[in-house]
Amino acid sequence: MAIGTYFSEVGTPLLKAFSSSDPNVHRIRDALIQLWEVFHLADEFEYRNDLALLSQSNYQPCARHERAYRALIVEWLKYMDHLKKRYPYPFSLALRTNPFDETASPIVTEQMGE
């Protein structure tokens, strides 16, 4: 996996080098760790066709990344707020294609306009 290679060969030593000189590096480190968790979770999901059919032992690796999932939700909500305040048309599309709504559709209907 590319992100794993990055951390093992470049990312971790680079973070150590900068950690003593920049107090914001801890926030960057936390963001990189979350990013790694998200990529790992994406890898887990990529190899599983139907999450509803997973046995408990197969579900455990995915469940361990609940923190990454929660972080993604928070970031998505912040992004939606940003779009709503500054970009109404992209916000409308993002709202209509809401990943938390199984019936979401990019098609604008009369009901939406009322």
C-alpha atoms as a PDB file:
ATOM      1  CA  MET A   1       0.000   0.000   0.000  1.00  0.00           C
ATOM      2  CA  ALA A   2       1.361   3.422  -0.955  1.00  0.00           C
ATOM      3  CA  ILE A   3       0.555   5.153   2.337  1.00  0.00           C
ATOM      4  CA  GLY A   4       2.322   2.405   4.305  1.00  0.00           C
ATOM      5  CA  THR A   5       5.410   2.796   2.145  1.00  0.00           C
ATOM      6  CA  TYR A   6       5.291   6.548   2.663  1.00  0.00           C
ATOM      7  CA  PHE A   7       5.210   6.229   6.435  1.00  0.00           C
ATOM      8  CA  SER A   8       7.872   3.540   6.623  1.00  0.00           C
ATOM      9  CA  GLU A   9      10.333   5.185   4.254  1.00  0.00           C
ATOM     10  CA  VAL A  10       9.679   8.930   4.440  1.00  0.00           C
ATOM     11  CA  GLY A  11       6.808  10.059   6.647  1.00  0.00           C
ATOM     12  CA  THR A  12       7.845   8.856  10.085  1.00  0.00           C
ATOM     13  CA  PRO A  13      11.503  10.015   9.880  1.00  0.00           C
ATOM     14  CA  LEU A  14      10.346  13.326   8.424  1.00  0.00           C
ATOM     15  CA  LEU A  15       7.903  13.852  11.280  1.00  0.00           C
ATOM     16  CA  LYS A  16      10.644  13.109  13.809  1.00  0.00           C
ATOM     17  CA  ALA A  17      12.946  15.624  12.167  1.00  0.00           C
ATOM     18  CA  PHE A  18      10.360  18.403  12.274  1.00  0.00           C
ATOM     19  CA  SER A  19       8.784  17.572  15.626  1.00  0.00           C
ATOM     20  CA  SER A  20      11.371  19.440  17.670  1.00  0.00           C
ATOM     21  CA  SER A  21      11.156  22.607  15.573  1.00  0.00           C
ATOM     22  CA  ASP A  22       7.440  23.079  14.889  1.00  0.00           C
ATOM     23  CA  PRO A  23       4.753  22.916  17.585  1.00  0.00           C
ATOM     24  CA  ASN A  24       2.065  22.337  14.931  1.00  0.00           C
ATOM     25  CA  VAL A  25       3.692  19.057  13.955  1.00  0.00           C
ATOM     26  CA  HIS A  26       1.569  17.244  16.542  1.00  0.00           C
ATOM     27  CA  ARG A  27      -1.596  18.318  14.734  1.00  0.00           C
ATOM     28  CA  ILE A  28      -0.023  17.283  11.432  1.00  0.00           C
ATOM     29  CA  ARG A  29       0.987  13.955  12.948  1.00  0.00           C
ATOM     30  CA  ASP A  30      -2.555  13.361  14.206  1.00  0.00           C
ATOM     31  CA  ALA A  31      -3.960  14.198  10.769  1.00  0.00           C
ATOM     32  CA  LEU A  32      -1.504  11.803   9.103  1.00  0.00           C
ATOM     33  CA  ILE A  33      -2.435   9.047  11.532  1.00  0.00           C
ATOM     34  CA  GLN A  34      -6.108   9.596  10.763  1.00  0.00           C
ATOM     35  CA  LEU A  35      -5.318   9.558   7.063  1.00  0.00           C
ATOM     36  CA  TRP A  36      -3.459   6.269   7.469  1.00  0.00           C
ATOM     37  CA  GLU A  37      -6.438   4.810   9.354  1.00  0.00           C
ATOM     38  CA  VAL A  38      -8.794   5.928   6.597  1.00  0.00           C
ATOM     39  CA  PHE A  39      -6.640   4.319   3.897  1.00  0.00           C
ATOM     40  CA  HIS A  40      -6.381   1.145   5.938  1.00  0.00           C
ATOM     41  CA  LEU A  41     -10.144   1.071   6.428  1.00  0.00           C
ATOM     42  CA  ALA A  42     -10.627   1.618   2.677  1.00  0.00           C
ATOM     43  CA  ASP A  43      -8.314  -1.353   2.045  1.00  0.00           C
ATOM     44  CA  GLU A  44     -10.363  -3.506   4.429  1.00  0.00           C
ATOM     45  CA  PHE A  45     -13.611  -2.534   2.688  1.00  0.00           C
ATOM     46  CA  GLU A  46     -12.166  -3.059  -0.782  1.00  0.00           C
ATOM     47  CA  TYR A  47     -11.696  -6.785  -0.124  1.00  0.00           C
ATOM     48  CA  ARG A  48     -15.145  -7.334   1.364  1.00  0.00           C
ATOM     49  CA  ASN A  49     -18.092  -7.500  -1.020  1.00  0.00           C
ATOM     50  CA  ASP A  50     -20.976  -7.262   1.446  1.00  0.00           C
ATOM     51  CA  LEU A  51     -20.291  -5.936   4.938  1.00  0.00           C
ATOM     52  CA  ALA A  52     -23.658  -7.218   6.157  1.00  0.00           C
ATOM     53  CA  LEU A  53     -22.485 -10.802   5.585  1.00  0.00           C
ATOM     54  CA  LEU A  54     -19.243 -10.532   7.577  1.00  0.00           C
ATOM     55  CA  SER A  55     -18.635 -12.930  10.438  1.00  0.00           C
ATOM     56  CA  GLN A  56     -17.611 -11.418  13.773  1.00  0.00           C
ATOM     57  CA  SER A  57     -13.946 -12.352  13.222  1.00  0.00           C
ATOM     58  CA  ASN A  58     -13.948 -10.678   9.800  1.00  0.00           C
ATOM     59  CA  TYR A  59     -15.758  -7.636  11.160  1.00  0.00           C
ATOM     60  CA  GLN A  60     -13.171  -6.957  13.889  1.00  0.00           C
ATOM     61  CA  PRO A  61     -10.467  -5.401  11.657  1.00  0.00           C
ATOM     62  CA  CYS A  62     -13.056  -2.960  10.296  1.00  0.00           C
ATOM     63  CA  ALA A  63     -14.537  -2.166  13.697  1.00  0.00           C
ATOM     64  CA  ARG A  64     -11.130  -1.179  15.056  1.00  0.00           C
ATOM     65  CA  HIS A  65     -11.178   1.779  12.696  1.00  0.00           C
ATOM     66  CA  GLU A  66     -14.321   3.314  14.149  1.00  0.00           C
ATOM     67  CA  ARG A  67     -12.250   6.362  15.128  1.00  0.00           C
ATOM     68  CA  ALA A  68     -11.355   6.937  11.475  1.00  0.00           C
ATOM     69  CA  TYR A  69     -14.997   6.616  10.467  1.00  0.00           C
ATOM     70  CA  ARG A  70     -16.056   9.107  13.138  1.00  0.00           C
ATOM     71  CA  ALA A  71     -13.335  11.522  12.028  1.00  0.00           C
ATOM     72  CA  LEU A  72     -14.544  11.244   8.432  1.00  0.00           C
ATOM     73  CA  ILE A  73     -18.081  12.073   9.506  1.00  0.00           C
ATOM     74  CA  VAL A  74     -16.912  15.156  11.402  1.00  0.00           C
ATOM     75  CA  GLU A  75     -14.822  16.337   8.447  1.00  0.00           C
ATOM     76  CA  TRP A  76     -17.710  15.708   6.043  1.00  0.00           C
ATOM     77  CA  LEU A  77     -20.011  17.813   8.227  1.00  0.00           C
ATOM     78  CA  LYS A  78     -17.446  20.636   8.333  1.00  0.00           C
ATOM     79  CA  TYR A  79     -17.114  20.428   4.562  1.00  0.00           C
ATOM     80  CA  MET A  80     -20.890  20.555   4.143  1.00  0.00           C
ATOM     81  CA  ASP A  81     -21.054  23.619   6.381  1.00  0.00           C
ATOM     82  CA  HIS A  82     -18.314  25.256   4.303  1.00  0.00           C
ATOM     83  CA  LEU A  83     -20.192  24.517   1.071  1.00  0.00           C
ATOM     84  CA  LYS A  84     -23.489  25.735   2.504  1.00  0.00           C
ATOM     85  CA  LYS A  85     -21.994  29.093   3.519  1.00  0.00           C
ATOM     86  CA  ARG A  86     -19.968  29.759   0.375  1.00  0.00           C
ATOM     87  CA  TYR A  87     -21.062  27.549  -2.519  1.00  0.00           C
ATOM     88  CA  PRO A  88     -24.812  26.897  -2.651  1.00  0.00           C
ATOM     89  CA  TYR A  89     -24.880  24.870  -5.890  1.00  0.00           C
ATOM     90  CA  PRO A  90     -22.119  22.393  -4.936  1.00  0.00           C
ATOM     91  CA  PHE A  91     -23.789  22.205  -1.502  1.00  0.00           C
ATOM     92  CA  SER A  92     -27.084  21.284  -3.167  1.00  0.00           C
ATOM     93  CA  LEU A  93     -25.406  18.478  -5.111  1.00  0.00           C
ATOM     94  CA  ALA A  94     -23.531  17.228  -2.043  1.00  0.00           C
ATOM     95  CA  LEU A  95     -26.774  17.227  -0.069  1.00  0.00           C
ATOM     96  CA  ARG A  96     -28.623  15.338  -2.806  1.00  0.00           C
ATOM     97  CA  THR A  97     -25.845  12.728  -2.980  1.00  0.00           C
ATOM     98  CA  ASN A  98     -25.567  12.426   0.794  1.00  0.00           C
ATOM     99  CA  PRO A  99     -23.581   9.234   1.573  1.00  0.00           C
ATOM    100  CA  PHE A 100     -25.749   8.622   4.660  1.00  0.00           C
ATOM    101  CA  ASP A 101     -28.985   8.464   2.640  1.00  0.00           C
ATOM    102  CA  GLU A 102     -29.489   5.217   0.724  1.00  0.00           C
ATOM    103  CA  THR A 103     -32.135   6.866  -1.453  1.00  0.00           C
ATOM    104  CA  ALA A 104     -29.963   9.881  -2.322  1.00  0.00           C
ATOM    105  CA  SER A 105     -29.975  10.914  -5.958  1.00  0.00           C
ATOM    106  CA  PRO A 106     -28.321  13.791  -7.845  1.00  0.00           C
ATOM    107  CA  ILE A 107     -31.631  14.366  -9.663  1.00  0.00           C
ATOM    108  CA  VAL A 108     -33.520  17.474  -8.539  1.00  0.00           C
ATOM    109  CA  THR A 109     -37.201  16.726  -7.991  1.00  0.00           C
ATOM    110  CA  GLU A 110     -40.197  18.996  -7.543  1.00  0.00           C
ATOM    111  CA  GLN A 111     -40.439  17.956  -3.890  1.00  0.00           C
ATOM    112  CA  MET A 112     -36.988  19.384  -3.191  1.00  0.00           C
ATOM    113  CA  GLY A 113     -37.929  22.811  -4.489  1.00  0.00           C
ATOM    114  CA  GLU A 114     -41.021  23.137  -2.312  1.00  0.00           C
END
